[in-house]
Amino acid sequence: MSAEPRYLPPLIREMRQADLATVAGIERSAYEFPWSPGIFRDCLLAGYTSLVLEQDAAVIGYGIMSVAAGEAHLLNLALAPSARRQGHGRRLLEHLLDLARGAGVEGVYLEVRPSNRDALALYHGAGFEVIGRRRAYYRAVGGVEDAVVLVRRLRRQR
């Protein structure tokens, strides 16, 4: 037997109330104008698809998506700084897309800051397309910033 430790991939599971402080900390590390812990709590209470990515018993990322009327809206997705650029965001995004597909969703929509190049690259790489722009959508240092609106069209499962 080898004494080498085996790599276990991160686990994707449902977000719980006990995760909110960690999730809010990741949020603060990712965004200048972060969601409050109360917004995350409200997402749980509303029944939104709220997932965390956990590695070695530590939450390293999360994703939140609402599903209604044949559409899904990716509301938030972020990773801890130490977990970025390792494929974890893509894995979490693909899991959310699979859940949306399983729910019969035809399209997954999201907004992203045009200045968030890493997020844009992730979404474009996952097949999202630009469909519009929301003017002055985000708060920003010194004012506001537009949002780029993206969609990923999904094929229904049969």
Protein backbone atom coordinates (compact mmCIF):
# COMPACT_ATOMS: atom_id res chain seq x y z
CA MET A 1 0.00 0.00 0.00
CA SER A 2 1.13 3.49 -0.79
CA ALA A 3 1.31 6.09 1.95
CA GLU A 4 0.60 8.88 -0.56
CA PRO A 5 -2.57 10.82 0.15
CA ARG A 6 -5.26 10.46 -2.49
CA TYR A 7 -6.78 13.55 -4.03
CA LEU A 8 -10.51 13.85 -3.45
CA PRO A 9 -12.32 16.29 -5.71
CA PRO A 10 -14.42 18.98 -4.08
CA LEU A 11 -17.96 18.00 -3.13
CA ILE A 12 -20.95 20.00 -4.36
CA ARG A 13 -23.78 20.06 -1.83
CA GLU A 14 -26.74 22.17 -0.80
CA MET A 15 -25.96 25.33 1.12
CA ARG A 16 -27.05 25.35 4.77
CA GLN A 17 -27.63 28.13 7.29
CA ALA A 18 -24.37 27.09 8.98
CA ASP A 19 -22.49 27.97 5.75
CA LEU A 20 -23.66 31.57 5.58
CA ALA A 21 -20.76 33.19 7.46
CA THR A 22 -18.20 31.41 5.27
CA VAL A 23 -20.15 32.14 2.09
CA ALA A 24 -20.40 35.82 3.06
CA GLY A 25 -16.63 35.87 3.65
CA ILE A 26 -15.99 34.45 0.17
CA GLU A 27 -18.42 37.03 -1.22
CA ARG A 28 -16.48 39.86 0.46
CA SER A 29 -13.22 38.56 -1.02
CA ALA A 30 -14.74 38.43 -4.51
CA TYR A 31 -16.71 41.67 -4.82
CA GLU A 32 -16.27 45.33 -3.86
CA PHE A 33 -19.99 45.60 -3.17
CA PRO A 34 -20.84 42.19 -1.70
CA TRP A 35 -24.19 40.70 -0.83
CA SER A 36 -24.98 40.76 2.86
CA PRO A 37 -25.39 37.53 4.84
CA GLY A 38 -29.11 38.38 4.93
CA ILE A 39 -29.39 38.18 1.15
CA PHE A 40 -27.89 34.68 1.22
CA ARG A 41 -30.29 33.72 4.01
CA ASP A 42 -33.21 35.05 1.95
CA CYS A 43 -32.10 32.94 -1.03
CA LEU A 44 -32.21 29.85 1.16
CA LEU A 45 -35.63 30.80 2.53
CA ALA A 46 -36.95 31.45 -0.99
CA GLY A 47 -35.92 27.96 -2.04
CA TYR A 48 -33.42 29.05 -4.68
CA THR A 49 -30.92 26.45 -5.80
CA SER A 50 -28.10 27.31 -3.39
CA LEU A 51 -24.99 25.17 -3.53
CA VAL A 52 -21.56 25.17 -1.98
CA LEU A 53 -18.34 23.62 -3.17
CA GLU A 54 -16.58 21.94 -0.26
CA GLN A 55 -13.02 20.60 -0.11
CA ASP A 56 -11.47 18.99 2.95
CA ALA A 57 -14.55 19.98 4.99
CA ALA A 58 -14.13 23.67 4.05
CA VAL A 59 -16.46 25.68 1.82
CA ILE A 60 -14.40 27.08 -1.07
CA GLY A 61 -17.17 28.38 -3.34
CA TYR A 62 -20.89 28.73 -3.91
CA GLY A 63 -23.50 29.24 -6.59
CA ILE A 64 -27.10 30.46 -6.41
CA MET A 65 -29.71 30.12 -9.12
CA SER A 66 -33.44 30.79 -9.29
CA VAL A 67 -35.64 28.67 -11.53
CA ALA A 68 -39.14 29.68 -12.64
CA ALA A 69 -41.37 29.68 -15.72
CA GLY A 70 -38.97 27.67 -17.88
CA GLU A 71 -36.02 29.97 -17.21
CA ALA A 72 -33.19 30.09 -14.74
CA HIS A 73 -31.25 33.07 -13.48
CA LEU A 74 -27.74 32.55 -12.16
CA LEU A 75 -27.73 35.05 -9.32
CA ASN A 76 -24.26 34.57 -7.87
CA LEU A 77 -21.20 32.37 -8.22
CA ALA A 78 -17.88 32.90 -6.47
CA LEU A 79 -14.83 31.05 -5.21
CA ALA A 80 -12.42 31.67 -2.37
CA PRO A 81 -9.19 33.26 -3.65
CA SER A 82 -7.21 30.07 -2.99
CA ALA A 83 -9.66 28.03 -5.11
CA ARG A 84 -9.62 30.20 -8.24
CA ARG A 85 -8.12 29.22 -11.59
CA GLN A 86 -8.31 25.49 -10.85
CA GLY A 87 -11.46 24.57 -12.75
CA HIS A 88 -13.69 24.72 -9.67
CA GLY A 89 -15.83 27.55 -11.03
CA ARG A 90 -16.40 25.67 -14.27
CA ARG A 91 -17.34 22.52 -12.36
CA LEU A 92 -19.84 24.37 -10.16
CA LEU A 93 -21.28 26.20 -13.17
CA GLU A 94 -21.68 22.96 -15.13
CA HIS A 95 -23.46 21.39 -12.15
CA LEU A 96 -25.90 24.32 -12.00
CA LEU A 97 -26.49 24.04 -15.77
CA ASP A 98 -27.21 20.32 -15.37
CA LEU A 99 -29.74 21.07 -12.63
CA ALA A 100 -31.39 23.71 -14.82
CA ARG A 101 -31.53 21.28 -17.74
CA GLY A 102 -33.07 18.65 -15.48
CA ALA A 103 -35.73 21.17 -14.43
CA GLY A 104 -36.71 21.66 -18.07
CA VAL A 105 -35.21 25.12 -18.32
CA GLU A 106 -34.74 26.50 -21.83
CA GLY A 107 -32.27 29.24 -20.93
CA VAL A 108 -30.02 30.29 -18.07
CA TYR A 109 -29.56 34.06 -17.77
CA LEU A 110 -27.09 36.14 -15.79
CA GLU A 111 -25.60 39.59 -15.46
CA VAL A 112 -21.89 40.26 -15.10
CA ARG A 113 -19.75 43.36 -14.88
CA PRO A 114 -17.88 44.04 -18.14
CA SER A 115 -14.80 44.65 -15.98
CA ASN A 116 -14.97 41.09 -14.58
CA ARG A 117 -12.86 39.47 -17.29
CA ASP A 118 -12.38 36.18 -15.43
CA ALA A 119 -16.14 35.69 -15.07
CA LEU A 120 -16.75 36.64 -18.70
CA ALA A 121 -14.15 34.10 -19.82
CA LEU A 122 -15.76 31.40 -17.66
CA TYR A 123 -19.23 32.10 -19.02
CA HIS A 124 -18.16 32.40 -22.66
CA GLY A 125 -16.21 29.14 -22.30
CA ALA A 126 -19.38 27.48 -21.01
CA GLY A 127 -21.37 28.57 -24.05
CA PHE A 128 -23.05 31.72 -22.77
CA GLU A 129 -23.82 34.42 -25.34
CA VAL A 130 -24.20 38.19 -24.87
CA ILE A 131 -27.79 39.27 -25.42
CA GLY A 132 -27.83 42.76 -23.97
CA ARG A 133 -26.65 45.34 -21.53
CA ARG A 134 -28.23 46.87 -18.45
CA ARG A 135 -27.10 50.46 -18.02
CA ALA A 136 -25.90 51.57 -14.57
CA TYR A 137 -26.81 48.17 -13.07
CA TYR A 138 -24.02 47.79 -10.51
CA ARG A 139 -22.66 50.10 -7.85
CA ALA A 140 -19.02 50.88 -8.50
CA VAL A 141 -16.26 52.93 -6.98
CA GLY A 142 -16.99 56.45 -8.14
CA GLY A 143 -20.43 55.68 -9.50
CA VAL A 144 -22.04 52.82 -11.38
CA GLU A 145 -21.15 50.17 -13.92
CA ASP A 146 -23.21 48.52 -16.63
CA ALA A 147 -24.03 44.82 -16.65
CA VAL A 148 -23.56 42.54 -19.62
CA VAL A 149 -26.55 40.19 -19.93
CA LEU A 150 -25.71 36.65 -21.01
CA VAL A 151 -27.76 33.54 -21.78
CA ARG A 152 -26.94 29.89 -22.18
CA ARG A 153 -29.64 28.16 -24.19
CA LEU A 154 -30.25 24.59 -23.04
CA ARG A 155 -31.67 21.62 -24.83
CA ARG A 156 -34.50 19.99 -22.96
CA GLN A 157 -33.89 16.50 -21.64
CA ARG A 158 -36.26 13.89 -23.05
